[in-house]
PDB file of N, CA and C in Angstrom:
ATOM      1  N   UNK A   1       0.625  -1.203   0.087  1.00  0.00           N
ATOM      2  CA  UNK A   1      -0.323   0.022   0.090  1.00  0.00           C
ATOM      3  C   UNK A   1       1.217   1.495  -0.063  1.00  0.00           C
ATOM      4  N   UNK A   2       0.565   2.263  -0.756  1.00  0.00           N
ATOM      5  CA  UNK A   2       1.273   3.379  -1.352  1.00  0.00           C
ATOM      6  C   UNK A   2       0.806   4.538   0.349  1.00  0.00           C
ATOM      7  N   UNK A   3       1.821   5.294   0.615  1.00  0.00           N
ATOM      8  CA  UNK A   3       0.891   6.151   1.599  1.00  0.00           C
ATOM      9  C   UNK A   3       1.716   7.219   1.447  1.00  0.00           C
ATOM     10  N   UNK A   4       1.020   9.065   1.451  1.00  0.00           N
ATOM     11  CA  UNK A   4       1.386  10.285   1.399  1.00  0.00           C
ATOM     12  C   UNK A   4       2.169  10.370   3.045  1.00  0.00           C
ATOM     13  N   UNK A   5       3.465  10.470   2.553  1.00  0.00           N
ATOM     14  CA  UNK A   5       3.969  11.164   4.173  1.00  0.00           C
ATOM     15  C   UNK A   5       4.440  12.917   3.698  1.00  0.00           C
ATOM     16  N   UNK A   6       3.829  13.662   4.962  1.00  0.00           N
ATOM     17  CA  UNK A   6       4.353  15.271   5.060  1.00  0.00           C
ATOM     18  C   UNK A   6       5.813  15.732   5.408  1.00  0.00           C
ATOM     19  N   UNK A   7       6.261  16.068   4.718  1.00  0.00           N
ATOM     20  CA  UNK A   7       7.727  16.227   4.666  1.00  0.00           C
ATOM     21  C   UNK A   7       7.870  17.827   4.649  1.00  0.00           C
ATOM     22  N   UNK A   8       8.731  17.957   5.724  1.00  0.00           N
ATOM     23  CA  UNK A   8       9.466  19.876   5.206  1.00  0.00           C
ATOM     24  C   UNK A   8      10.684  20.120   5.342  1.00  0.00           C
ATOM     25  N   UNK A   9      11.407  21.114   4.726  1.00  0.00           N
ATOM     26  CA  UNK A   9      12.741  21.340   4.323  1.00  0.00           C
ATOM     27  C   UNK A   9      13.016  22.829   4.905  1.00  0.00           C
ATOM     28  N   UNK A  10      14.035  22.801   5.464  1.00  0.00           N
ATOM     29  CA  UNK A  10      14.380  24.787   5.904  1.00  0.00           C
ATOM     30  C   UNK A  10      15.800  24.735   5.916  1.00  0.00           C
ATOM     31  N   UNK A  11      16.157  25.965   5.702  1.00  0.00           N
ATOM     32  CA  UNK A  11      17.272  26.493   5.395  1.00  0.00           C
ATOM     33  C   UNK A  11      17.952  27.016   4.505  1.00  0.00           C
ATOM     34  N   UNK A  12      19.376  27.098   4.154  1.00  0.00           N
ATOM     35  CA  UNK A  12      19.599  28.225   2.967  1.00  0.00           C
ATOM     36  C   UNK A  12      21.528  27.947   3.395  1.00  0.00           C
ATOM     37  N   UNK A  13      22.103  28.195   2.236  1.00  0.00           N
ATOM     38  CA  UNK A  13      23.386  28.198   1.765  1.00  0.00           C
ATOM     39  C   UNK A  13      23.758  27.048   1.754  1.00  0.00           C
ATOM     40  N   UNK A  14      24.300  26.125   3.198  1.00  0.00           N
ATOM     41  CA  UNK A  14      24.979  25.251   3.392  1.00  0.00           C
ATOM     42  C   UNK A  14      24.323  24.167   4.356  1.00  0.00           C
ATOM     43  N   UNK A  15      23.838  25.436   5.061  1.00  0.00           N
ATOM     44  CA  UNK A  15      22.277  24.316   6.463  1.00  0.00           C
ATOM     45  C   UNK A  15      21.303  24.652   5.764  1.00  0.00           C
ATOM     46  N   UNK A  16      21.081  22.549   6.094  1.00  0.00           N
ATOM     47  CA  UNK A  16      19.535  22.341   4.995  1.00  0.00           C
ATOM     48  C   UNK A  16      19.410  21.387   6.333  1.00  0.00           C
ATOM     49  N   UNK A  17      18.150  21.386   6.571  1.00  0.00           N
ATOM     50  CA  UNK A  17      16.975  20.461   7.496  1.00  0.00           C
ATOM     51  C   UNK A  17      15.838  20.259   6.713  1.00  0.00           C
ATOM     52  N   UNK A  18      15.771  18.502   7.153  1.00  0.00           N
ATOM     53  CA  UNK A  18      14.721  18.395   6.334  1.00  0.00           C
ATOM     54  C   UNK A  18      14.048  17.316   7.837  1.00  0.00           C
ATOM     55  N   UNK A  19      12.551  17.277   7.599  1.00  0.00           N
ATOM     56  CA  UNK A  19      11.943  16.516   8.662  1.00  0.00           C
ATOM     57  C   UNK A  19      10.867  15.610   7.673  1.00  0.00           C
ATOM     58  N   UNK A  20      10.388  14.694   8.131  1.00  0.00           N
ATOM     59  CA  UNK A  20       8.999  13.852   7.901  1.00  0.00           C
ATOM     60  C   UNK A  20       8.111  13.664   9.124  1.00  0.00           C
ATOM     61  N   UNK A  21       6.752  14.534   8.861  1.00  0.00           N
ATOM     62  CA  UNK A  21       6.511  15.191  10.240  1.00  0.00           C
ATOM     63  C   UNK A  21       5.194  13.832  10.923  1.00  0.00           C
ATOM     64  N   UNK A  22       5.181  13.091   9.893  1.00  0.00           N
ATOM     65  CA  UNK A  22       4.614  11.534   9.691  1.00  0.00           C
ATOM     66  C   UNK A  22       5.317  10.235  10.664  1.00  0.00           C
ATOM     67  N   UNK A  23       6.797  10.726   9.939  1.00  0.00           N
ATOM     68  CA  UNK A  23       7.388   9.249  10.803  1.00  0.00           C
ATOM     69  C   UNK A  23       8.490   9.639  11.430  1.00  0.00           C
ATOM     70  N   UNK A  24       8.763  11.217  11.640  1.00  0.00           N
ATOM     71  CA  UNK A  24       9.286  11.428  13.047  1.00  0.00           C
ATOM     72  C   UNK A  24      10.850  11.158  12.989  1.00  0.00           C
ATOM     73  N   UNK A  25      11.213  10.904  11.563  1.00  0.00           N
ATOM     74  CA  UNK A  25      12.442  11.139  10.971  1.00  0.00           C
ATOM     75  C   UNK A  25      13.192  12.651  10.126  1.00  0.00           C
ATOM     76  N   UNK A  26      14.635  12.749  10.317  1.00  0.00           N
ATOM     77  CA  UNK A  26      15.002  14.048   9.910  1.00  0.00           C
ATOM     78  C   UNK A  26      16.511  13.937   9.196  1.00  0.00           C
ATOM     79  N   UNK A  27      17.047  14.575   8.565  1.00  0.00           N
ATOM     80  CA  UNK A  27      18.356  14.839   7.798  1.00  0.00           C
ATOM     81  C   UNK A  27      19.144  15.741   8.048  1.00  0.00           C
ATOM     82  N   UNK A  28      20.033  16.488   7.810  1.00  0.00           N
ATOM     83  CA  UNK A  28      21.027  17.673   7.752  1.00  0.00           C
ATOM     84  C   UNK A  28      21.278  16.997   6.299  1.00  0.00           C
ATOM     85  N   UNK A  29      21.924  18.696   5.471  1.00  0.00           N
ATOM     86  CA  UNK A  29      22.699  18.529   4.254  1.00  0.00           C
ATOM     87  C   UNK A  29      22.982  19.655   4.182  1.00  0.00           C
ATOM     88  N   UNK A  30      23.954  19.716   2.730  1.00  0.00           N
ATOM     89  CA  UNK A  30      24.476  21.625   2.619  1.00  0.00           C
ATOM     90  C   UNK A  30      23.127  21.952   1.443  1.00  0.00           C
ATOM     91  N   UNK A  31      22.090  21.380   1.060  1.00  0.00           N
ATOM     92  CA  UNK A  31      21.628  21.475  -0.247  1.00  0.00           C
ATOM     93  C   UNK A  31      20.170  21.338   0.557  1.00  0.00           C
ATOM     94  N   UNK A  32      18.920  21.823  -0.389  1.00  0.00           N
ATOM     95  CA  UNK A  32      17.695  21.379  -1.059  1.00  0.00           C
ATOM     96  C   UNK A  32      17.706  19.982  -1.288  1.00  0.00           C
ATOM     97  N   UNK A  33      18.330  19.734  -2.535  1.00  0.00           N
ATOM     98  CA  UNK A  33      18.380  18.526  -3.072  1.00  0.00           C
ATOM     99  C   UNK A  33      19.167  17.705  -2.034  1.00  0.00           C
ATOM    100  N   UNK A  34      19.984  17.746  -1.488  1.00  0.00           N
ATOM    101  CA  UNK A  34      20.597  16.883  -1.138  1.00  0.00           C
ATOM    102  C   UNK A  34      19.889  16.137   0.731  1.00  0.00           C
ATOM    103  N   UNK A  35      19.169  17.495   0.838  1.00  0.00           N
ATOM    104  CA  UNK A  35      18.573  16.811   1.974  1.00  0.00           C
ATOM    105  C   UNK A  35      16.850  16.118   1.907  1.00  0.00           C
ATOM    106  N   UNK A  36      16.620  16.339   0.706  1.00  0.00           N
ATOM    107  CA  UNK A  36      15.779  15.921   0.007  1.00  0.00           C
ATOM    108  C   UNK A  36      15.771  14.119  -0.688  1.00  0.00           C
ATOM    109  N   UNK A  37      16.823  14.122  -0.989  1.00  0.00           N
ATOM    110  CA  UNK A  37      17.222  12.956  -1.649  1.00  0.00           C
ATOM    111  C   UNK A  37      18.087  11.817   0.228  1.00  0.00           C
ATOM    112  N   UNK A  38      18.286  12.527   0.697  1.00  0.00           N
ATOM    113  CA  UNK A  38      18.722  11.886   1.957  1.00  0.00           C
ATOM    114  C   UNK A  38      17.603  11.488   2.576  1.00  0.00           C
ATOM    115  N   UNK A  39      16.404  12.132   3.122  1.00  0.00           N
ATOM    116  CA  UNK A  39      14.823  12.008   3.484  1.00  0.00           C
ATOM    117  C   UNK A  39      14.678  11.025   2.771  1.00  0.00           C
ATOM    118  N   UNK A  40      14.221  10.534   1.313  1.00  0.00           N
ATOM    119  CA  UNK A  40      13.542   9.894   0.085  1.00  0.00           C
ATOM    120  C   UNK A  40      14.004   8.218   0.743  1.00  0.00           C
ATOM    121  N   UNK A  41      15.276   8.483   1.559  1.00  0.00           N
ATOM    122  CA  UNK A  41      16.327   7.396   1.099  1.00  0.00           C
ATOM    123  C   UNK A  41      16.281   6.757   2.699  1.00  0.00           C
ATOM    124  N   UNK A  42      15.929   7.995   3.434  1.00  0.00           N
ATOM    125  CA  UNK A  42      15.947   7.563   5.451  1.00  0.00           C
ATOM    126  C   UNK A  42      14.388   6.792   5.666  1.00  0.00           C
ATOM    127  N   UNK A  43      13.692   7.393   4.606  1.00  0.00           N
ATOM    128  CA  UNK A  43      12.373   6.685   4.380  1.00  0.00           C
ATOM    129  C   UNK A  43      12.129   5.644   4.052  1.00  0.00           C
ATOM    130  N   UNK A  44      12.760   5.179   3.093  1.00  0.00           N
ATOM    131  CA  UNK A  44      12.510   4.208   2.489  1.00  0.00           C
ATOM    132  C   UNK A  44      13.311   2.798   3.494  1.00  0.00           C
ATOM    133  N   UNK A  45      14.319   3.418   4.084  1.00  0.00           N
ATOM    134  CA  UNK A  45      15.060   2.342   4.721  1.00  0.00           C
ATOM    135  C   UNK A  45      14.270   2.449   6.224  1.00  0.00           C
ATOM    136  N   UNK A  46      13.673   3.381   6.849  1.00  0.00           N
ATOM    137  CA  UNK A  46      13.221   3.249   7.768  1.00  0.00           C
ATOM    138  C   UNK A  46      11.790   1.968   7.465  1.00  0.00           C
ATOM    139  N   UNK A  47      10.629   2.446   6.264  1.00  0.00           N
ATOM    140  CA  UNK A  47       9.633   1.447   5.809  1.00  0.00           C
ATOM    141  C   UNK A  47      10.439  -0.249   5.746  1.00  0.00           C
ATOM    142  N   UNK A  48      11.334   0.079   4.536  1.00  0.00           N
ATOM    143  CA  UNK A  48      11.501  -1.595   4.469  1.00  0.00           C
ATOM    144  C   UNK A  48      12.241  -2.257   5.811  1.00  0.00           C
ATOM    145  N   UNK A  49      12.704  -1.772   6.905  1.00  0.00           N
ATOM    146  CA  UNK A  49      12.906  -2.348   8.357  1.00  0.00           C
ATOM    147  C   UNK A  49      11.876  -2.615   8.878  1.00  0.00           C
ATOM    148  N   UNK A  50      10.563  -2.487   8.683  1.00  0.00           N
ATOM    149  CA  UNK A  50       9.512  -2.755   9.440  1.00  0.00           C
ATOM    150  C   UNK A  50       8.769  -3.927   8.676  1.00  0.00           C
ATOM    151  N   UNK A  51       9.166  -4.269   7.416  1.00  0.00           N
ATOM    152  CA  UNK A  51       8.587  -5.464   6.419  1.00  0.00           C
ATOM    153  C   UNK A  51       8.886  -6.879   7.370  1.00  0.00           C
ATOM    154  N   UNK A  52       9.500  -7.362   8.257  1.00  0.00           N
ATOM    155  CA  UNK A  52       9.576  -8.328   8.771  1.00  0.00           C
ATOM    156  C   UNK A  52       8.706  -8.059  10.199  1.00  0.00           C
ATOM    157  N   UNK A  53       8.304  -7.176  10.549  1.00  0.00           N
ATOM    158  CA  UNK A  53       7.625  -7.040  12.108  1.00  0.00           C
ATOM    159  C   UNK A  53       6.187  -7.822  12.135  1.00  0.00           C
ATOM    160  N   UNK A  54       5.757  -7.906  13.025  1.00  0.00           N
ATOM    161  CA  UNK A  54       4.209  -8.372  12.854  1.00  0.00           C
ATOM    162  C   UNK A  54       3.561  -6.996  12.253  1.00  0.00           C
ATOM    163  N   UNK A  55       2.282  -7.436  12.026  1.00  0.00           N
ATOM    164  CA  UNK A  55       1.307  -6.306  11.542  1.00  0.00           C
ATOM    165  C   UNK A  55       1.107  -5.089  12.800  1.00  0.00           C
ATOM    166  N   UNK A  56       0.866  -6.004  13.460  1.00  0.00           N
ATOM    167  CA  UNK A  56       0.473  -4.485  14.925  1.00  0.00           C
ATOM    168  C   UNK A  56       1.834  -3.520  15.271  1.00  0.00           C
ATOM    169  N   UNK A  57       2.752  -4.356  15.115  1.00  0.00           N
ATOM    170  CA  UNK A  57       3.901  -3.383  15.173  1.00  0.00           C
ATOM    171  C   UNK A  57       4.631  -2.571  14.346  1.00  0.00           C
ATOM    172  N   UNK A  58       4.058  -2.832  12.939  1.00  0.00           N
ATOM    173  CA  UNK A  58       4.332  -2.390  12.047  1.00  0.00           C
ATOM    174  C   UNK A  58       3.404  -1.213  12.076  1.00  0.00           C
ATOM    175  N   UNK A  59       2.446  -1.477  11.966  1.00  0.00           N
ATOM    176  CA  UNK A  59       1.089  -0.199  12.073  1.00  0.00           C
ATOM    177  C   UNK A  59       1.602   0.631  13.573  1.00  0.00           C
ATOM    178  N   UNK A  60       2.118   0.642  14.159  1.00  0.00           N
ATOM    179  CA  UNK A  60       2.260   1.634  15.448  1.00  0.00           C
ATOM    180  C   UNK A  60       3.494   1.693  14.803  1.00  0.00           C
ATOM    181  N   UNK A  61       4.559   1.562  14.220  1.00  0.00           N
ATOM    182  CA  UNK A  61       5.710   2.091  14.222  1.00  0.00           C
ATOM    183  C   UNK A  61       5.584   3.147  12.519  1.00  0.00           C
ATOM    184  N   UNK A  62       4.312   3.126  12.395  1.00  0.00           N
ATOM    185  CA  UNK A  62       3.948   3.327  10.889  1.00  0.00           C
ATOM    186  C   UNK A  62       3.018   4.465  10.985  1.00  0.00           C
ATOM    187  N   UNK A  63       2.652   4.755  12.489  1.00  0.00           N
ATOM    188  CA  UNK A  63       2.017   6.370  13.144  1.00  0.00           C
ATOM    189  C   UNK A  63       2.666   6.539  14.330  1.00  0.00           C
ATOM    190  N   UNK A  64       3.547   7.539  13.773  1.00  0.00           N
ATOM    191  CA  UNK A  64       4.770   7.898  14.418  1.00  0.00           C
ATOM    192  C   UNK A  64       5.078   9.190  14.466  1.00  0.00           C
ATOM    193  N   UNK A  65       4.001   9.964  14.403  1.00  0.00           N
ATOM    194  CA  UNK A  65       4.349  11.470  14.327  1.00  0.00           C
ATOM    195  C   UNK A  65       5.244  12.145  15.149  1.00  0.00           C
ATOM    196  N   UNK A  66       5.479  13.269  14.580  1.00  0.00           N
ATOM    197  CA  UNK A  66       6.960  14.228  15.149  1.00  0.00           C
ATOM    198  C   UNK A  66       6.371  14.651  16.989  1.00  0.00           C
ATOM    199  N   UNK A  67       6.828  14.941  18.120  1.00  0.00           N
ATOM    200  CA  UNK A  67       5.697  15.414  18.885  1.00  0.00           C
ATOM    201  C   UNK A  67       5.363  16.797  18.549  1.00  0.00           C
ATOM    202  N   UNK A  68       4.702  17.374  19.397  1.00  0.00           N
ATOM    203  CA  UNK A  68       3.142  18.908  19.262  1.00  0.00           C
ATOM    204  C   UNK A  68       4.090  19.573  19.069  1.00  0.00           C
ATOM    205  N   UNK A  69       5.791  20.065  20.002  1.00  0.00           N
ATOM    206  CA  UNK A  69       6.331  21.244  19.479  1.00  0.00           C
ATOM    207  C   UNK A  69       6.766  21.210  18.082  1.00  0.00           C
ATOM    208  N   UNK A  70       7.480  20.223  17.213  1.00  0.00           N
ATOM    209  CA  UNK A  70       7.945  20.649  15.997  1.00  0.00           C
ATOM    210  C   UNK A  70       6.790  20.490  14.979  1.00  0.00           C
ATOM    211  N   UNK A  71       5.706  19.931  15.334  1.00  0.00           N
ATOM    212  CA  UNK A  71       4.751  20.539  14.171  1.00  0.00           C
ATOM    213  C   UNK A  71       3.822  21.808  14.436  1.00  0.00           C
ATOM    214  N   UNK A  72       3.850  22.229  15.919  1.00  0.00           N
ATOM    215  CA  UNK A  72       3.037  23.499  15.787  1.00  0.00           C
ATOM    216  C   UNK A  72       4.516  24.699  14.992  1.00  0.00           C
ATOM    217  N   UNK A  73       5.860  24.520  15.436  1.00  0.00           N
ATOM    218  CA  UNK A  73       6.746  25.299  15.050  1.00  0.00           C
ATOM    219  C   UNK A  73       6.528  25.713  13.258  1.00  0.00           C
ATOM    220  N   UNK A  74       6.382  24.221  12.820  1.00  0.00           N
ATOM    221  CA  UNK A  74       6.360  24.090  11.325  1.00  0.00           C
ATOM    222  C   UNK A  74       4.867  24.726  10.816  1.00  0.00           C
ATOM    223  N   UNK A  75       3.774  24.157  11.478  1.00  0.00           N
ATOM    224  CA  UNK A  75       2.491  25.001  11.190  1.00  0.00           C
ATOM    225  C   UNK A  75       2.916  26.466  10.835  1.00  0.00           C
ATOM    226  N   UNK A  76       3.548  27.423  11.840  1.00  0.00           N
ATOM    227  CA  UNK A  76       3.969  28.590  12.187  1.00  0.00           C
ATOM    228  C   UNK A  76       4.415  28.990  11.183  1.00  0.00           C
ATOM    229  N   UNK A  77       5.423  27.898  10.927  1.00  0.00           N
ATOM    230  CA  UNK A  77       6.815  28.813   9.881  1.00  0.00           C
ATOM    231  C   UNK A  77       5.777  29.024   8.238  1.00  0.00           C
ATOM    232  N   UNK A  78       4.802  27.587   7.993  1.00  0.00           N
ATOM    233  CA  UNK A  78       4.721  27.557   7.121  1.00  0.00           C
ATOM    234  C   UNK A  78       3.216  28.851   6.686  1.00  0.00           C
ATOM    235  N   UNK A  79       2.373  29.435   8.017  1.00  0.00           N
ATOM    236  CA  UNK A  79       2.045  30.381   7.897  1.00  0.00           C
ATOM    237  C   UNK A  79       2.606  31.486   7.815  1.00  0.00           C
ATOM    238  N   UNK A  80       3.612  31.937   8.557  1.00  0.00           N
ATOM    239  CA  UNK A  80       4.472  33.581   8.452  1.00  0.00           C
ATOM    240  C   UNK A  80       5.028  33.289   7.218  1.00  0.00           C
ATOM    241  N   UNK A  81       5.539  32.567   6.458  1.00  0.00           N
ATOM    242  CA  UNK A  81       5.814  32.224   5.105  1.00  0.00           C
ATOM    243  C   UNK A  81       4.716  32.336   3.881  1.00  0.00           C
ATOM    244  N   UNK A  82       3.610  32.685   4.351  1.00  0.00           N
ATOM    245  CA  UNK A  82       2.486  32.467   3.450  1.00  0.00           C
ATOM    246  C   UNK A  82       2.630  34.426   3.427  1.00  0.00           C
ATOM    247  N   UNK A  83       2.448  34.961   4.343  1.00  0.00           N
ATOM    248  CA  UNK A  83       2.754  36.456   4.334  1.00  0.00           C
ATOM    249  C   UNK A  83       3.710  37.093   3.692  1.00  0.00           C
ATOM    250  N   UNK A  84       3.238  37.920   2.813  1.00  0.00           N
ATOM    251  CA  UNK A  84       4.174  38.590   1.629  1.00  0.00           C
ATOM    252  C   UNK A  84       5.109  39.191   2.568  1.00  0.00           C
ATOM    253  N   UNK A  85       5.025  40.163   3.535  1.00  0.00           N
ATOM    254  CA  UNK A  85       6.249  40.614   4.458  1.00  0.00           C
ATOM    255  C   UNK A  85       7.195  39.910   5.029  1.00  0.00           C
ATOM    256  N   UNK A  86       6.767  38.632   5.331  1.00  0.00           N
ATOM    257  CA  UNK A  86       7.271  37.500   5.763  1.00  0.00           C
ATOM    258  C   UNK A  86       8.159  36.530   5.001  1.00  0.00           C
ATOM    259  N   UNK A  87       7.894  36.317   3.947  1.00  0.00           N
ATOM    260  CA  UNK A  87       7.748  35.224   2.615  1.00  0.00           C
ATOM    261  C   UNK A  87       9.799  35.455   2.950  1.00  0.00           C
ATOM    262  N   UNK A  88      10.485  34.176   2.840  1.00  0.00           N
ATOM    263  CA  UNK A  88      11.515  34.035   2.611  1.00  0.00           C
ATOM    264  C   UNK A  88      11.903  33.086   1.136  1.00  0.00           C
ATOM    265  N   UNK A  89      11.970  33.393   0.403  1.00  0.00           N
ATOM    266  CA  UNK A  89      11.802  32.298  -0.942  1.00  0.00           C
ATOM    267  C   UNK A  89      13.427  31.498  -1.191  1.00  0.00           C
ATOM    268  N   UNK A  90      12.963  30.575  -1.272  1.00  0.00           N
ATOM    269  CA  UNK A  90      14.188  29.532  -1.096  1.00  0.00           C
ATOM    270  C   UNK A  90      14.393  28.855   0.115  1.00  0.00           C
ATOM    271  N   UNK A  91      14.114  28.992   1.054  1.00  0.00           N
ATOM    272  CA  UNK A  91      14.038  28.873   2.455  1.00  0.00           C
ATOM    273  C   UNK A  91      13.801  28.082   2.824  1.00  0.00           C
ATOM    274  N   UNK A  92      12.277  27.155   2.516  1.00  0.00           N
ATOM    275  CA  UNK A  92      11.599  26.533   3.385  1.00  0.00           C
ATOM    276  C   UNK A  92      10.623  26.159   1.921  1.00  0.00           C
ATOM    277  N   UNK A  93      10.422  24.752   2.412  1.00  0.00           N
ATOM    278  CA  UNK A  93       9.925  24.186   1.344  1.00  0.00           C
ATOM    279  C   UNK A  93       8.848  22.518   2.005  1.00  0.00           C
ATOM    280  N   UNK A  94       8.084  22.406   1.259  1.00  0.00           N
ATOM    281  CA  UNK A  94       7.007  21.341   1.545  1.00  0.00           C
ATOM    282  C   UNK A  94       7.261  20.511   0.946  1.00  0.00           C
ATOM    283  N   UNK A  95       7.008  18.912   1.366  1.00  0.00           N
ATOM    284  CA  UNK A  95       7.778  18.261   0.486  1.00  0.00           C
ATOM    285  C   UNK A  95       6.198  17.179   0.745  1.00  0.00           C
ATOM    286  N   UNK A  96       5.850  16.405  -0.045  1.00  0.00           N
ATOM    287  CA  UNK A  96       4.803  15.072  -0.048  1.00  0.00           C
ATOM    288  C   UNK A  96       5.605  14.013  -0.212  1.00  0.00           C
ATOM    289  N   UNK A  97       6.099  12.997   0.092  1.00  0.00           N
ATOM    290  CA  UNK A  97       6.173  11.688  -0.404  1.00  0.00           C
ATOM    291  C   UNK A  97       5.506  10.908  -0.498  1.00  0.00           C
ATOM    292  N   UNK A  98       5.328   9.460  -1.695  1.00  0.00           N
ATOM    293  CA  UNK A  98       5.233   8.705  -1.408  1.00  0.00           C
ATOM    294  C   UNK A  98       6.105   7.696  -0.745  1.00  0.00           C
ATOM    295  N   UNK A  99       5.386   6.928   0.280  1.00  0.00           N
ATOM    296  CA  UNK A  99       6.389   5.691   0.512  1.00  0.00           C
ATOM    297  C   UNK A  99       5.458   4.549   0.418  1.00  0.00           C
ATOM    298  N   UNK A 100       6.006   3.488   0.286  1.00  0.00           N
ATOM    299  CA  UNK A 100       5.263   1.971   0.290  1.00  0.00           C
ATOM    300  C   UNK A 100       5.083   1.252   1.658  1.00  0.00           C
ATOM    301  N   UNK A 101       3.951   1.534   2.120  1.00  0.00           N
ATOM    302  CA  UNK A 101       3.886   1.157   3.629  1.00  0.00           C
ATOM    303  C   UNK A 101       3.166   0.296   4.115  1.00  0.00           C
TER     304      UNK A 101
END
């Protein structure tokens, strides 16, 4: 079954971070392209590592969102970046990834 997971990247220059909000996975890198690739790979490896687990354990580990505070911080940044005076082009990206879960 394919599932869409919500991800978010922020940074600038050579300091980028990307987070999977639905699986509590984070990566760092020197560019948006690097963190996007690293996050895709981290999600793939995480989901693959669950393949041999019993269904109940797999379901529990696939429903592992980040804690409330990072979610609220993400929501605030998304809201603030939508405001014309607060926009920071090229520094924040939302990413929707499909993963086979």
